[in-house]
Amino acid sequence: MIDELRIQATPAARAALTAVRAREGGQVMLVQSGGCCAGSVPMCFLDGEYLTGDGDVLLGDVDGAPFYIEATLDRALGHPSFVLDIAPGGPEGFSLGTIEGGHFVSRSEACLISDETP
């Protein structure tokens, strides 16, 4: 069973997802990065482009876009809830960026996961 309250989104993130789906011609998916290559930001892919497996947890979806996190990372962070948002600047790694030149970030009370620089 999916806990729908573990992923929410700001209006800006919802608008960005709508724009990315229109640009890419299909549904997208989000995968919370563990910080290895792309920092600790959610990566945005065309739906099905990132292969999930038994080690991935589906936290829910944002307007039809599934949001996954790796089970070990989820446990290490204490099974937090996330809020999907956007920030200025291009995406990291292989993630799709937003229309306005931004990228997706996730925020949590358990830990701040974003790319904000002190």
C-alpha atoms as a PDB file:
ATOM      1  CA  MET A   1       0.000   0.000   0.000  1.00  0.00           C
ATOM      2  CA  ILE A   2       1.298   3.451  -0.892  1.00  0.00           C
ATOM      3  CA  ASP A   3       1.315   6.133   1.789  1.00  0.00           C
ATOM      4  CA  GLU A   4       0.031   9.073  -0.245  1.00  0.00           C
ATOM      5  CA  LEU A   5       1.157  11.564   2.407  1.00  0.00           C
ATOM      6  CA  ARG A   6       4.850  10.764   1.926  1.00  0.00           C
ATOM      7  CA  ILE A   7       5.048  12.824  -1.275  1.00  0.00           C
ATOM      8  CA  GLN A   8       3.403  16.157  -1.863  1.00  0.00           C
ATOM      9  CA  ALA A   9       4.223  18.962  -4.288  1.00  0.00           C
ATOM     10  CA  THR A  10       4.165  22.726  -4.440  1.00  0.00           C
ATOM     11  CA  PRO A  11       2.033  24.405  -7.088  1.00  0.00           C
ATOM     12  CA  ALA A  12       5.260  25.385  -8.896  1.00  0.00           C
ATOM     13  CA  ALA A  13       6.406  21.746  -9.028  1.00  0.00           C
ATOM     14  CA  ARG A  14       2.993  20.605 -10.300  1.00  0.00           C
ATOM     15  CA  ALA A  15       3.092  23.249 -13.041  1.00  0.00           C
ATOM     16  CA  ALA A  16       6.648  22.226 -13.948  1.00  0.00           C
ATOM     17  CA  LEU A  17       5.623  18.553 -14.207  1.00  0.00           C
ATOM     18  CA  THR A  18       2.747  19.500 -16.511  1.00  0.00           C
ATOM     19  CA  ALA A  19       5.120  21.514 -18.710  1.00  0.00           C
ATOM     20  CA  VAL A  20       7.759  18.747 -18.808  1.00  0.00           C
ATOM     21  CA  ARG A  21       5.126  16.145 -19.767  1.00  0.00           C
ATOM     22  CA  ALA A  22       3.920  18.414 -22.587  1.00  0.00           C
ATOM     23  CA  ARG A  23       7.470  19.008 -23.817  1.00  0.00           C
ATOM     24  CA  GLU A  24       8.485  15.332 -23.604  1.00  0.00           C
ATOM     25  CA  GLY A  25       5.212  13.966 -24.969  1.00  0.00           C
ATOM     26  CA  GLY A  26       4.434  11.604 -22.089  1.00  0.00           C
ATOM     27  CA  GLN A  27       4.337  10.847 -18.393  1.00  0.00           C
ATOM     28  CA  VAL A  28       7.444  11.225 -16.255  1.00  0.00           C
ATOM     29  CA  MET A  29       8.714   9.557 -13.093  1.00  0.00           C
ATOM     30  CA  LEU A  30      10.849  10.837 -10.226  1.00  0.00           C
ATOM     31  CA  VAL A  31      13.559   8.964  -8.363  1.00  0.00           C
ATOM     32  CA  GLN A  32      15.094  10.393  -5.191  1.00  0.00           C
ATOM     33  CA  SER A  33      18.855  10.343  -5.653  1.00  0.00           C
ATOM     34  CA  GLY A  34      21.074   8.991  -2.922  1.00  0.00           C
ATOM     35  CA  GLY A  35      23.740  11.608  -3.459  1.00  0.00           C
ATOM     36  CA  CYS A  36      26.373   9.566  -5.330  1.00  0.00           C
ATOM     37  CA  CYS A  37      26.486  11.213  -8.733  1.00  0.00           C
ATOM     38  CA  ALA A  38      23.744  13.805  -8.833  1.00  0.00           C
ATOM     39  CA  GLY A  39      23.678  15.161  -5.321  1.00  0.00           C
ATOM     40  CA  SER A  40      20.592  14.441  -3.282  1.00  0.00           C
ATOM     41  CA  VAL A  41      17.966  15.694  -5.665  1.00  0.00           C
ATOM     42  CA  PRO A  42      15.093  13.872  -7.305  1.00  0.00           C
ATOM     43  CA  MET A  43      15.907  12.803 -10.833  1.00  0.00           C
ATOM     44  CA  CYS A  44      13.155  13.209 -13.434  1.00  0.00           C
ATOM     45  CA  PHE A  45      12.910  10.686 -16.289  1.00  0.00           C
ATOM     46  CA  LEU A  46      10.366   9.673 -18.884  1.00  0.00           C
ATOM     47  CA  ASP A  47       8.156   7.067 -17.235  1.00  0.00           C
ATOM     48  CA  GLY A  48       9.850   3.671 -17.488  1.00  0.00           C
ATOM     49  CA  GLU A  49      13.225   5.105 -18.551  1.00  0.00           C
ATOM     50  CA  TYR A  50      14.662   4.367 -15.094  1.00  0.00           C
ATOM     51  CA  LEU A  51      14.301   0.712 -14.181  1.00  0.00           C
ATOM     52  CA  THR A  52      13.031   0.209 -10.655  1.00  0.00           C
ATOM     53  CA  GLY A  53      13.270  -3.055  -8.759  1.00  0.00           C
ATOM     54  CA  ASP A  54      12.666  -4.760  -5.443  1.00  0.00           C
ATOM     55  CA  GLY A  55      15.040  -2.316  -3.737  1.00  0.00           C
ATOM     56  CA  ASP A  56      12.945   0.714  -4.642  1.00  0.00           C
ATOM     57  CA  VAL A  57      10.009   2.079  -2.651  1.00  0.00           C
ATOM     58  CA  LEU A  58       7.127   3.862  -4.360  1.00  0.00           C
ATOM     59  CA  LEU A  59       6.237   6.784  -2.081  1.00  0.00           C
ATOM     60  CA  GLY A  60       3.244   7.817  -4.167  1.00  0.00           C
ATOM     61  CA  ASP A  61       2.756  10.010  -7.170  1.00  0.00           C
ATOM     62  CA  VAL A  62       2.424  13.647  -8.060  1.00  0.00           C
ATOM     63  CA  ASP A  63      -0.334  14.135 -10.604  1.00  0.00           C
ATOM     64  CA  GLY A  64       0.321  10.676 -12.025  1.00  0.00           C
ATOM     65  CA  ALA A  65       4.124  10.880 -11.916  1.00  0.00           C
ATOM     66  CA  PRO A  66       5.401   8.088  -9.626  1.00  0.00           C
ATOM     67  CA  PHE A  67       8.008   9.065  -7.028  1.00  0.00           C
ATOM     68  CA  TYR A  68      10.504   6.398  -5.904  1.00  0.00           C
ATOM     69  CA  ILE A  69      13.273   6.199  -3.326  1.00  0.00           C
ATOM     70  CA  GLU A  70      15.803   3.415  -2.812  1.00  0.00           C
ATOM     71  CA  ALA A  71      14.765   1.340   0.239  1.00  0.00           C
ATOM     72  CA  THR A  72      18.136   1.602   2.006  1.00  0.00           C
ATOM     73  CA  LEU A  73      18.158   5.398   1.650  1.00  0.00           C
ATOM     74  CA  ASP A  74      14.543   5.543   2.829  1.00  0.00           C
ATOM     75  CA  ARG A  75      15.448   3.587   5.978  1.00  0.00           C
ATOM     76  CA  ALA A  76      18.592   5.642   6.581  1.00  0.00           C
ATOM     77  CA  LEU A  77      16.592   8.863   6.418  1.00  0.00           C
ATOM     78  CA  GLY A  78      13.917   7.506   8.770  1.00  0.00           C
ATOM     79  CA  HIS A  79      11.131   7.050   6.182  1.00  0.00           C
ATOM     80  CA  PRO A  80      10.502  10.786   5.747  1.00  0.00           C
ATOM     81  CA  SER A  81       7.808  12.570   3.802  1.00  0.00           C
ATOM     82  CA  PHE A  82       8.931  14.816   0.954  1.00  0.00           C
ATOM     83  CA  VAL A  83       7.673  17.952  -0.736  1.00  0.00           C
ATOM     84  CA  LEU A  84       8.598  18.220  -4.413  1.00  0.00           C
ATOM     85  CA  ASP A  85       9.562  21.734  -5.458  1.00  0.00           C
ATOM     86  CA  ILE A  86      11.675  23.467  -8.100  1.00  0.00           C
ATOM     87  CA  ALA A  87      14.830  25.573  -7.919  1.00  0.00           C
ATOM     88  CA  PRO A  88      16.685  27.682 -10.467  1.00  0.00           C
ATOM     89  CA  GLY A  89      19.533  26.238 -12.470  1.00  0.00           C
ATOM     90  CA  GLY A  90      19.878  23.276 -14.752  1.00  0.00           C
ATOM     91  CA  PRO A  91      19.335  19.676 -13.721  1.00  0.00           C
ATOM     92  CA  GLU A  92      22.108  17.372 -12.558  1.00  0.00           C
ATOM     93  CA  GLY A  93      23.066  14.049 -14.096  1.00  0.00           C
ATOM     94  CA  PHE A  94      20.603  12.575 -16.555  1.00  0.00           C
ATOM     95  CA  SER A  95      17.527  14.268 -15.085  1.00  0.00           C
ATOM     96  CA  LEU A  96      15.073  16.187 -17.226  1.00  0.00           C
ATOM     97  CA  GLY A  97      14.967  19.867 -16.358  1.00  0.00           C
ATOM     98  CA  THR A  98      11.962  22.127 -16.141  1.00  0.00           C
ATOM     99  CA  ILE A  99      10.831  24.344 -19.007  1.00  0.00           C
ATOM    100  CA  GLU A 100      12.064  27.514 -17.305  1.00  0.00           C
ATOM    101  CA  GLY A 101      15.633  26.228 -16.905  1.00  0.00           C
ATOM    102  CA  GLY A 102      15.108  24.964 -13.373  1.00  0.00           C
ATOM    103  CA  HIS A 103      15.309  21.563 -11.767  1.00  0.00           C
ATOM    104  CA  PHE A 104      13.339  19.559  -9.237  1.00  0.00           C
ATOM    105  CA  VAL A 105      14.297  19.482  -5.553  1.00  0.00           C
ATOM    106  CA  SER A 106      12.790  17.603  -2.640  1.00  0.00           C
ATOM    107  CA  ARG A 107      12.447  18.980   0.829  1.00  0.00           C
ATOM    108  CA  SER A 108      11.826  17.113   4.065  1.00  0.00           C
ATOM    109  CA  GLU A 109      11.585  17.939   7.743  1.00  0.00           C
ATOM    110  CA  ALA A 110      13.817  14.920   8.459  1.00  0.00           C
ATOM    111  CA  CYS A 111      16.576  16.395   6.335  1.00  0.00           C
ATOM    112  CA  LEU A 112      16.893  19.126   3.792  1.00  0.00           C
ATOM    113  CA  ILE A 113      17.550  17.482   0.446  1.00  0.00           C
ATOM    114  CA  SER A 114      18.231  20.116  -2.126  1.00  0.00           C
ATOM    115  CA  ASP A 115      21.050  21.742  -3.933  1.00  0.00           C
ATOM    116  CA  GLU A 116      21.013  25.003  -2.015  1.00  0.00           C
ATOM    117  CA  THR A 117      24.532  26.278  -1.507  1.00  0.00           C
ATOM    118  CA  PRO A 118      25.380  27.935   1.848  1.00  0.00           C
END
